[in-house]
N, C-alpha and C. Protein backbone atom coordinates (compact mmCIF):
# COMPACT_ATOMS: atom_id res chain seq x y z
N UNK A 1 143.20 103.10 133.84
CA UNK A 1 143.95 103.80 132.81
C UNK A 1 144.59 102.78 131.89
N UNK A 2 144.55 103.05 130.62
CA UNK A 2 145.19 102.19 129.63
C UNK A 2 146.70 102.37 129.79
N UNK A 3 147.42 101.26 129.89
CA UNK A 3 148.86 101.34 130.01
C UNK A 3 149.53 100.31 129.15
N UNK A 4 150.77 100.60 128.78
CA UNK A 4 151.63 99.62 128.16
C UNK A 4 151.21 99.11 126.80
N UNK A 5 150.45 99.87 126.03
CA UNK A 5 150.15 99.39 124.69
C UNK A 5 150.46 100.47 123.67
N UNK A 6 150.93 100.04 122.53
CA UNK A 6 151.30 100.97 121.47
C UNK A 6 150.13 101.89 121.12
N UNK A 7 148.91 101.34 121.11
CA UNK A 7 147.75 102.14 120.76
C UNK A 7 147.56 103.30 121.73
N UNK A 8 147.77 103.05 123.01
CA UNK A 8 147.63 104.13 123.98
C UNK A 8 148.73 105.16 123.78
N UNK A 9 149.93 104.70 123.48
CA UNK A 9 151.02 105.64 123.19
C UNK A 9 150.64 106.53 122.01
N UNK A 10 150.11 105.91 120.96
CA UNK A 10 149.70 106.66 119.79
C UNK A 10 148.59 107.65 120.13
N UNK A 11 147.68 107.23 120.98
CA UNK A 11 146.58 108.08 121.41
C UNK A 11 147.12 109.33 122.10
N UNK A 12 148.02 109.14 123.05
CA UNK A 12 148.61 110.27 123.77
C UNK A 12 149.40 111.15 122.83
N UNK A 13 150.13 110.51 121.91
CA UNK A 13 150.95 111.25 120.96
C UNK A 13 150.09 112.18 120.09
N UNK A 14 148.85 111.79 119.85
CA UNK A 14 147.94 112.60 119.05
C UNK A 14 147.22 113.65 119.91
N UNK A 15 147.59 113.76 121.18
CA UNK A 15 146.98 114.75 122.06
C UNK A 15 145.66 114.34 122.65
N UNK A 16 145.33 113.06 122.57
CA UNK A 16 144.08 112.57 123.15
C UNK A 16 144.32 112.04 124.55
N UNK A 17 143.31 112.14 125.38
CA UNK A 17 143.39 111.57 126.72
C UNK A 17 142.11 110.78 126.99
N UNK A 18 142.22 109.86 127.94
CA UNK A 18 141.07 109.03 128.33
C UNK A 18 140.66 109.40 129.74
N UNK A 19 139.34 109.50 129.94
CA UNK A 19 138.80 109.68 131.28
C UNK A 19 137.58 108.81 131.43
N UNK A 20 137.18 108.63 132.69
CA UNK A 20 136.14 107.66 133.01
C UNK A 20 134.89 108.30 133.61
N UNK A 21 135.00 109.52 134.01
CA UNK A 21 133.86 110.22 134.62
C UNK A 21 133.39 111.33 133.69
N UNK A 22 132.12 111.26 133.27
CA UNK A 22 131.60 112.37 132.45
C UNK A 22 131.44 113.63 133.29
N UNK A 23 131.46 114.75 132.61
CA UNK A 23 131.20 116.06 133.22
C UNK A 23 129.96 116.63 132.55
N UNK A 24 129.30 117.62 133.17
CA UNK A 24 128.04 118.12 132.62
C UNK A 24 128.10 118.51 131.13
N UNK A 25 129.18 119.11 130.69
CA UNK A 25 129.29 119.50 129.28
C UNK A 25 129.33 118.33 128.32
N UNK A 26 129.57 117.13 128.83
CA UNK A 26 129.63 115.95 127.97
C UNK A 26 128.27 115.57 127.40
N UNK A 27 127.19 115.91 128.08
CA UNK A 27 125.87 115.52 127.60
C UNK A 27 125.67 116.03 126.17
N UNK A 28 125.85 117.31 125.97
CA UNK A 28 125.66 117.88 124.63
C UNK A 28 126.75 117.42 123.68
N UNK A 29 128.00 117.37 124.14
CA UNK A 29 129.07 116.94 123.24
C UNK A 29 128.86 115.52 122.74
N UNK A 30 128.42 114.64 123.62
CA UNK A 30 128.19 113.25 123.22
C UNK A 30 126.99 113.16 122.28
N UNK A 31 125.94 113.92 122.55
CA UNK A 31 124.80 113.92 121.63
C UNK A 31 125.23 114.44 120.25
N UNK A 32 126.02 115.50 120.23
CA UNK A 32 126.50 116.05 118.96
C UNK A 32 127.38 115.04 118.22
N UNK A 33 128.25 114.35 118.97
CA UNK A 33 129.13 113.34 118.37
C UNK A 33 128.31 112.21 117.78
N UNK A 34 127.34 111.69 118.53
CA UNK A 34 126.50 110.59 118.06
C UNK A 34 125.75 111.02 116.80
N UNK A 35 125.24 112.24 116.80
CA UNK A 35 124.54 112.74 115.61
C UNK A 35 125.48 112.85 114.42
N UNK A 36 126.70 113.33 114.65
CA UNK A 36 127.68 113.53 113.57
C UNK A 36 128.07 112.23 112.87
N UNK A 37 127.92 111.10 113.55
CA UNK A 37 128.27 109.83 112.91
C UNK A 37 127.31 109.50 111.77
N UNK A 38 126.08 110.03 111.81
CA UNK A 38 125.10 109.76 110.78
C UNK A 38 124.44 108.41 110.89
N UNK A 39 124.67 107.69 111.98
CA UNK A 39 124.12 106.34 112.13
C UNK A 39 122.84 106.29 112.96
N UNK A 40 122.53 107.34 113.70
CA UNK A 40 121.50 107.21 114.72
C UNK A 40 120.31 108.14 114.48
N UNK A 41 119.13 107.66 114.86
CA UNK A 41 117.90 108.43 114.79
C UNK A 41 117.88 109.46 115.92
N UNK A 42 117.03 110.48 115.81
CA UNK A 42 116.93 111.49 116.88
C UNK A 42 116.63 110.90 118.25
N UNK A 43 115.74 109.89 118.33
CA UNK A 43 115.42 109.31 119.63
C UNK A 43 116.64 108.59 120.22
N UNK A 44 117.46 107.98 119.38
CA UNK A 44 118.68 107.32 119.87
C UNK A 44 119.70 108.34 120.36
N UNK A 45 119.79 109.47 119.67
CA UNK A 45 120.70 110.54 120.08
C UNK A 45 120.30 111.06 121.46
N UNK A 46 119.00 111.22 121.68
CA UNK A 46 118.49 111.66 122.99
C UNK A 46 118.87 110.66 124.08
N UNK A 47 118.74 109.37 123.79
CA UNK A 47 119.06 108.34 124.77
C UNK A 47 120.54 108.39 125.14
N UNK A 48 121.41 108.62 124.15
CA UNK A 48 122.84 108.73 124.44
C UNK A 48 123.09 109.82 125.48
N UNK A 49 122.44 110.97 125.32
CA UNK A 49 122.58 112.05 126.29
C UNK A 49 121.95 111.72 127.64
N UNK A 50 120.82 111.04 127.62
CA UNK A 50 120.14 110.68 128.86
C UNK A 50 120.98 109.75 129.73
N UNK A 51 121.71 108.84 129.12
CA UNK A 51 122.54 107.92 129.90
C UNK A 51 123.65 108.67 130.63
N UNK A 52 124.24 109.65 129.94
CA UNK A 52 125.27 110.47 130.58
C UNK A 52 124.65 111.27 131.72
N UNK A 53 123.49 111.88 131.47
CA UNK A 53 122.81 112.68 132.49
C UNK A 53 122.45 111.83 133.70
N UNK A 54 121.96 110.62 133.47
CA UNK A 54 121.60 109.73 134.58
C UNK A 54 122.83 109.40 135.42
N UNK A 55 123.96 109.14 134.76
CA UNK A 55 125.20 108.87 135.49
C UNK A 55 125.59 110.09 136.34
N UNK A 56 125.49 111.28 135.75
CA UNK A 56 125.85 112.51 136.47
C UNK A 56 124.95 112.73 137.69
N UNK A 57 123.67 112.45 137.55
CA UNK A 57 122.72 112.69 138.64
C UNK A 57 122.75 111.61 139.71
N UNK A 58 122.97 110.36 139.31
CA UNK A 58 122.82 109.25 140.25
C UNK A 58 124.10 108.47 140.54
N UNK A 59 125.16 108.73 139.80
CA UNK A 59 126.40 107.98 139.99
C UNK A 59 126.37 106.67 139.23
N UNK A 60 127.53 106.05 139.09
CA UNK A 60 127.61 104.84 138.28
C UNK A 60 126.87 103.64 138.86
N UNK A 61 126.96 103.43 140.16
CA UNK A 61 126.33 102.24 140.74
C UNK A 61 124.82 102.29 140.60
N UNK A 62 124.21 103.43 140.92
CA UNK A 62 122.75 103.52 140.84
C UNK A 62 122.27 103.56 139.40
N UNK A 63 122.98 104.29 138.54
CA UNK A 63 122.55 104.38 137.14
C UNK A 63 122.87 103.10 136.37
N UNK A 64 123.97 102.45 136.73
CA UNK A 64 124.41 101.26 136.00
C UNK A 64 125.17 101.58 134.73
N UNK A 65 125.51 102.85 134.52
CA UNK A 65 126.21 103.27 133.31
C UNK A 65 127.61 103.74 133.65
N UNK A 66 128.57 103.18 132.93
CA UNK A 66 129.98 103.52 133.09
C UNK A 66 130.50 103.99 131.74
N UNK A 67 131.54 104.82 131.76
CA UNK A 67 132.01 105.46 130.53
C UNK A 67 133.51 105.38 130.36
N UNK A 68 133.91 105.35 129.10
CA UNK A 68 135.29 105.57 128.68
C UNK A 68 135.19 106.69 127.65
N UNK A 69 135.80 107.82 127.96
CA UNK A 69 135.68 109.01 127.11
C UNK A 69 137.06 109.44 126.65
N UNK A 70 137.24 109.53 125.34
CA UNK A 70 138.48 110.04 124.76
C UNK A 70 138.24 111.49 124.37
N UNK A 71 139.15 112.36 124.77
CA UNK A 71 138.97 113.77 124.44
C UNK A 71 140.28 114.39 123.97
N UNK A 72 140.13 115.47 123.25
CA UNK A 72 141.28 116.25 122.77
C UNK A 72 140.92 117.71 122.92
N UNK A 73 141.77 118.43 123.63
CA UNK A 73 141.55 119.86 123.86
C UNK A 73 140.16 120.15 124.41
N UNK A 74 139.70 119.30 125.33
CA UNK A 74 138.41 119.52 125.97
C UNK A 74 137.21 119.09 125.16
N UNK A 75 137.41 118.54 123.97
CA UNK A 75 136.31 118.09 123.12
C UNK A 75 136.26 116.57 123.09
N UNK A 76 135.08 115.99 123.18
CA UNK A 76 134.92 114.54 123.14
C UNK A 76 135.18 114.07 121.70
N UNK A 77 136.17 113.18 121.56
CA UNK A 77 136.53 112.62 120.25
C UNK A 77 135.88 111.26 120.04
N UNK A 78 135.58 110.58 121.13
CA UNK A 78 134.94 109.27 121.06
C UNK A 78 134.58 108.84 122.47
N UNK A 79 133.64 107.92 122.57
CA UNK A 79 133.28 107.44 123.90
C UNK A 79 132.63 106.08 123.80
N UNK A 80 132.59 105.41 124.93
CA UNK A 80 131.88 104.16 125.07
C UNK A 80 131.11 104.17 126.38
N UNK A 81 129.98 103.52 126.38
CA UNK A 81 129.16 103.39 127.58
C UNK A 81 128.85 101.91 127.76
N UNK A 82 129.00 101.41 128.99
CA UNK A 82 128.77 100.00 129.28
C UNK A 82 128.20 99.88 130.68
N UNK A 83 127.71 98.70 131.01
CA UNK A 83 127.23 98.48 132.37
C UNK A 83 126.80 97.04 132.58
N UNK A 84 126.71 96.65 133.85
CA UNK A 84 126.25 95.29 134.17
C UNK A 84 124.80 95.10 133.74
N UNK A 85 124.50 93.91 133.27
CA UNK A 85 123.13 93.60 132.86
C UNK A 85 122.34 93.21 134.11
N UNK A 86 121.24 93.92 134.38
CA UNK A 86 120.43 93.59 135.56
C UNK A 86 120.03 92.12 135.56
N UNK A 87 119.98 91.55 136.76
CA UNK A 87 119.57 90.16 137.00
C UNK A 87 120.57 89.14 136.45
N UNK A 88 121.79 89.56 136.18
CA UNK A 88 122.87 88.63 135.84
C UNK A 88 123.98 88.86 136.85
N UNK A 89 124.86 87.88 136.99
CA UNK A 89 125.96 88.01 137.94
C UNK A 89 127.25 88.49 137.29
N UNK A 90 127.48 88.12 136.03
CA UNK A 90 128.78 88.43 135.42
C UNK A 90 128.68 88.89 133.96
N UNK A 91 127.49 89.30 133.52
CA UNK A 91 127.31 89.73 132.13
C UNK A 91 127.17 91.25 132.06
N UNK A 92 127.75 91.81 131.00
CA UNK A 92 127.73 93.26 130.79
C UNK A 92 127.23 93.58 129.39
N UNK A 93 126.56 94.71 129.27
CA UNK A 93 126.19 95.25 127.98
C UNK A 93 127.16 96.36 127.61
N UNK A 94 127.52 96.40 126.35
CA UNK A 94 128.22 97.55 125.79
C UNK A 94 127.14 98.31 125.03
N UNK A 95 126.74 99.44 125.60
CA UNK A 95 125.61 100.18 125.06
C UNK A 95 125.98 101.05 123.87
N UNK A 96 127.11 101.71 123.97
CA UNK A 96 127.49 102.67 122.94
C UNK A 96 128.99 102.65 122.70
N UNK A 97 129.36 102.78 121.46
CA UNK A 97 130.70 103.21 121.06
C UNK A 97 130.45 104.16 119.89
N UNK A 98 130.94 105.36 120.02
CA UNK A 98 130.82 106.32 118.93
C UNK A 98 132.11 107.11 118.85
N UNK A 99 132.55 107.35 117.64
CA UNK A 99 133.79 108.08 117.40
C UNK A 99 133.50 109.20 116.42
N UNK A 100 134.00 110.37 116.72
CA UNK A 100 133.84 111.51 115.84
C UNK A 100 134.35 111.17 114.44
N UNK A 101 133.65 111.63 113.40
CA UNK A 101 134.13 111.37 112.04
C UNK A 101 135.59 111.77 111.83
N UNK A 102 136.07 112.79 112.55
CA UNK A 102 137.47 113.22 112.43
C UNK A 102 138.46 112.17 112.91
N UNK A 103 138.01 111.24 113.75
CA UNK A 103 138.90 110.23 114.34
C UNK A 103 138.56 108.81 113.90
N UNK A 104 137.56 108.65 113.05
CA UNK A 104 137.18 107.30 112.61
C UNK A 104 138.27 106.71 111.72
N UNK A 105 138.42 105.39 111.81
CA UNK A 105 139.40 104.68 111.00
C UNK A 105 140.83 104.81 111.47
N UNK A 106 141.02 105.34 112.69
CA UNK A 106 142.36 105.56 113.22
C UNK A 106 142.64 104.75 114.47
N UNK A 107 141.75 103.81 114.81
CA UNK A 107 141.97 102.93 115.95
C UNK A 107 141.37 103.40 117.26
N UNK A 108 140.74 104.56 117.27
CA UNK A 108 140.19 105.07 118.53
C UNK A 108 139.05 104.19 119.04
N UNK A 109 138.17 103.72 118.17
CA UNK A 109 137.08 102.84 118.60
C UNK A 109 137.60 101.58 119.24
N UNK A 110 138.65 100.99 118.68
CA UNK A 110 139.24 99.77 119.25
C UNK A 110 139.86 100.06 120.61
N UNK A 111 140.51 101.20 120.76
CA UNK A 111 141.09 101.56 122.05
C UNK A 111 139.99 101.69 123.10
N UNK A 112 138.90 102.36 122.76
CA UNK A 112 137.79 102.53 123.70
C UNK A 112 137.18 101.18 124.05
N UNK A 113 136.94 100.34 123.05
CA UNK A 113 136.36 99.01 123.30
C UNK A 113 137.29 98.17 124.17
N UNK A 114 138.57 98.16 123.87
CA UNK A 114 139.54 97.39 124.65
C UNK A 114 139.57 97.86 126.10
N UNK A 115 139.47 99.14 126.30
CA UNK A 115 139.47 99.67 127.66
C UNK A 115 138.19 99.28 128.40
N UNK A 116 137.04 99.33 127.73
CA UNK A 116 135.81 98.88 128.37
C UNK A 116 135.91 97.40 128.73
N UNK A 117 136.46 96.59 127.85
CA UNK A 117 136.62 95.16 128.13
C UNK A 117 137.52 94.94 129.35
N UNK A 118 138.60 95.71 129.44
CA UNK A 118 139.50 95.58 130.58
C UNK A 118 138.77 95.91 131.87
N UNK A 119 138.01 96.99 131.85
CA UNK A 119 137.27 97.40 133.05
C UNK A 119 136.19 96.39 133.42
N UNK A 120 135.52 95.84 132.44
CA UNK A 120 134.50 94.81 132.69
C UNK A 120 135.17 93.59 133.33
N UNK A 121 136.27 93.16 132.77
CA UNK A 121 136.99 91.99 133.29
C UNK A 121 137.46 92.24 134.73
N UNK A 122 138.02 93.42 134.99
CA UNK A 122 138.48 93.75 136.35
C UNK A 122 137.33 93.82 137.34
N UNK A 123 136.12 94.13 136.87
CA UNK A 123 134.95 94.19 137.75
C UNK A 123 134.31 92.81 137.94
N UNK A 124 134.90 91.78 137.37
CA UNK A 124 134.38 90.43 137.51
C UNK A 124 133.48 89.98 136.38
N UNK A 125 133.40 90.80 135.33
CA UNK A 125 132.58 90.43 134.18
C UNK A 125 133.20 89.27 133.41
N UNK A 126 132.36 88.35 133.01
CA UNK A 126 132.81 87.17 132.26
C UNK A 126 132.46 87.26 130.78
N UNK A 127 131.38 87.98 130.45
CA UNK A 127 130.96 88.07 129.06
C UNK A 127 130.38 89.46 128.81
N UNK A 128 130.69 89.99 127.62
CA UNK A 128 130.12 91.27 127.19
C UNK A 128 129.24 91.03 125.97
N UNK A 129 128.15 91.77 125.92
CA UNK A 129 127.20 91.69 124.81
C UNK A 129 127.10 93.05 124.16
N UNK A 130 126.91 93.02 122.85
CA UNK A 130 126.69 94.26 122.11
C UNK A 130 125.65 93.97 121.03
N UNK A 131 124.81 94.95 120.77
CA UNK A 131 123.75 94.81 119.78
C UNK A 131 123.92 95.87 118.72
N UNK A 132 123.60 95.52 117.48
CA UNK A 132 123.64 96.49 116.41
C UNK A 132 122.63 96.10 115.33
N UNK A 133 122.41 96.99 114.43
CA UNK A 133 121.45 96.79 113.35
C UNK A 133 122.01 95.83 112.30
N UNK A 134 121.09 95.16 111.60
CA UNK A 134 121.48 94.29 110.49
C UNK A 134 121.43 95.02 109.15
N UNK A 135 121.08 96.30 109.15
CA UNK A 135 121.05 97.06 107.90
C UNK A 135 122.43 97.09 107.25
N UNK A 136 122.45 97.21 105.93
CA UNK A 136 123.70 97.25 105.17
C UNK A 136 124.63 98.35 105.68
N UNK A 137 124.09 99.51 106.01
CA UNK A 137 124.96 100.61 106.43
C UNK A 137 125.69 100.33 107.74
N UNK A 138 125.26 99.28 108.47
CA UNK A 138 125.93 98.89 109.70
C UNK A 138 126.92 97.74 109.49
N UNK A 139 127.20 97.38 108.25
CA UNK A 139 128.14 96.30 107.97
C UNK A 139 129.51 96.59 108.56
N UNK A 140 129.96 97.84 108.48
CA UNK A 140 131.28 98.18 109.05
C UNK A 140 131.27 98.03 110.57
N UNK A 141 130.14 98.31 111.20
CA UNK A 141 130.03 98.15 112.65
C UNK A 141 130.12 96.66 113.02
N UNK A 142 129.39 95.84 112.30
CA UNK A 142 129.42 94.39 112.56
C UNK A 142 130.83 93.84 112.31
N UNK A 143 131.46 94.28 111.23
CA UNK A 143 132.83 93.84 110.94
C UNK A 143 133.79 94.27 112.03
N UNK A 144 133.61 95.47 112.58
CA UNK A 144 134.45 95.96 113.67
C UNK A 144 134.37 95.00 114.86
N UNK A 145 133.15 94.65 115.27
CA UNK A 145 133.01 93.76 116.42
C UNK A 145 133.61 92.39 116.14
N UNK A 146 133.41 91.89 114.95
CA UNK A 146 133.98 90.59 114.60
C UNK A 146 135.50 90.63 114.61
N UNK A 147 136.10 91.69 114.08
CA UNK A 147 137.57 91.84 114.13
C UNK A 147 138.08 91.93 115.56
N UNK A 148 137.24 92.42 116.46
CA UNK A 148 137.63 92.57 117.87
C UNK A 148 137.30 91.31 118.69
N UNK A 149 136.93 90.22 118.03
CA UNK A 149 136.74 88.95 118.72
C UNK A 149 135.33 88.65 119.16
N UNK A 150 134.35 89.44 118.72
CA UNK A 150 132.96 89.18 119.09
C UNK A 150 132.35 88.19 118.10
N UNK A 151 131.44 87.37 118.62
CA UNK A 151 130.76 86.35 117.83
C UNK A 151 129.28 86.73 117.74
N UNK A 152 128.72 86.62 116.55
CA UNK A 152 127.29 86.88 116.38
C UNK A 152 126.52 85.68 116.91
N UNK A 153 125.78 85.87 117.99
CA UNK A 153 125.03 84.79 118.63
C UNK A 153 123.60 84.69 118.14
N UNK A 154 123.03 85.80 117.70
CA UNK A 154 121.63 85.77 117.28
C UNK A 154 121.32 86.95 116.37
N UNK A 155 120.37 86.73 115.52
CA UNK A 155 119.81 87.81 114.71
C UNK A 155 118.30 87.76 114.90
N UNK A 156 117.75 88.88 115.31
CA UNK A 156 116.31 89.00 115.50
C UNK A 156 115.76 89.83 114.34
N UNK A 157 115.09 89.17 113.40
CA UNK A 157 114.56 89.85 112.22
C UNK A 157 113.54 90.90 112.60
N UNK A 158 113.53 91.99 111.84
CA UNK A 158 112.52 93.05 111.98
C UNK A 158 112.41 93.58 113.41
N UNK A 159 113.51 93.59 114.14
CA UNK A 159 113.47 94.00 115.55
C UNK A 159 113.21 95.50 115.70
N UNK A 160 114.03 96.32 115.03
CA UNK A 160 113.90 97.78 115.18
C UNK A 160 112.72 98.32 114.38
N UNK A 161 112.52 97.73 113.21
CA UNK A 161 111.40 98.06 112.33
C UNK A 161 111.42 97.04 111.20
N UNK A 162 110.37 96.94 110.42
CA UNK A 162 110.41 95.98 109.31
C UNK A 162 111.65 96.21 108.43
N UNK A 163 112.40 95.14 108.21
CA UNK A 163 113.61 95.21 107.40
C UNK A 163 114.86 95.59 108.17
N UNK A 164 114.72 95.83 109.45
CA UNK A 164 115.88 96.23 110.28
C UNK A 164 115.93 95.33 111.51
N UNK A 165 116.76 94.30 111.41
CA UNK A 165 116.91 93.35 112.50
C UNK A 165 117.98 93.77 113.48
N UNK A 166 118.05 93.01 114.57
CA UNK A 166 119.07 93.23 115.59
C UNK A 166 120.04 92.06 115.56
N UNK A 167 121.34 92.37 115.47
CA UNK A 167 122.40 91.36 115.59
C UNK A 167 122.96 91.46 116.99
N UNK A 168 123.01 90.34 117.70
CA UNK A 168 123.52 90.30 119.07
C UNK A 168 124.86 89.57 119.06
N UNK A 169 125.88 90.26 119.52
CA UNK A 169 127.24 89.72 119.58
C UNK A 169 127.66 89.53 121.02
N UNK A 170 128.59 88.59 121.24
CA UNK A 170 129.14 88.41 122.59
C UNK A 170 130.61 88.05 122.51
N UNK A 171 131.27 88.25 123.64
CA UNK A 171 132.69 87.90 123.77
C UNK A 171 132.96 87.55 125.22
N UNK A 172 133.71 86.48 125.39
CA UNK A 172 134.17 86.11 126.74
C UNK A 172 135.26 87.10 127.15
N UNK A 173 135.17 87.63 128.34
CA UNK A 173 136.18 88.57 128.81
C UNK A 173 137.41 87.78 129.24
N UNK A 174 138.55 88.35 128.98
CA UNK A 174 139.80 87.68 129.31
C UNK A 174 140.37 86.97 128.10
N UNK A 175 139.56 86.82 127.03
CA UNK A 175 140.06 86.20 125.82
C UNK A 175 140.63 87.29 124.92
N UNK A 176 141.92 87.31 124.82
CA UNK A 176 142.68 88.27 124.01
C UNK A 176 142.60 89.70 124.52
N UNK A 177 142.58 89.86 125.86
CA UNK A 177 142.64 91.22 126.43
C UNK A 177 144.08 91.63 126.57
């Protein structure tokens, strides 16, 4: 649970709560939220739902997917999904952070990311990685990670499709948590 930070106080004051275990209704809500952002293709939206479903069916250890879900009045306002990277001892991937358009620009994404970082660090994680597109429309996403202390380690040109590369960011856990 997030404790002792002004951001969490503000979150609670706005009627939002944080939970760590998805429930069956989250599959559709998360897919709808991811779609509402306007950033993701249909196949990516399906994958967002599949990760939640896999966690529900197999549990966090077997699925490898862990969640931080912010909700208000039973509706998902934002979420993050992360997990240990297979065949590594202390590295984690941050797979998803998505915030409902109604809550964007209000600090909810940073709260979710900070909470995932705390949980990764407490689980023994030393470094977190996140990937995003190099397209212009993802400039705000890249700026978000950079403001949160992530460093761009690599750019893979034409990764997703011609003209759409992958930017890979990383951050040492414990640095500015």
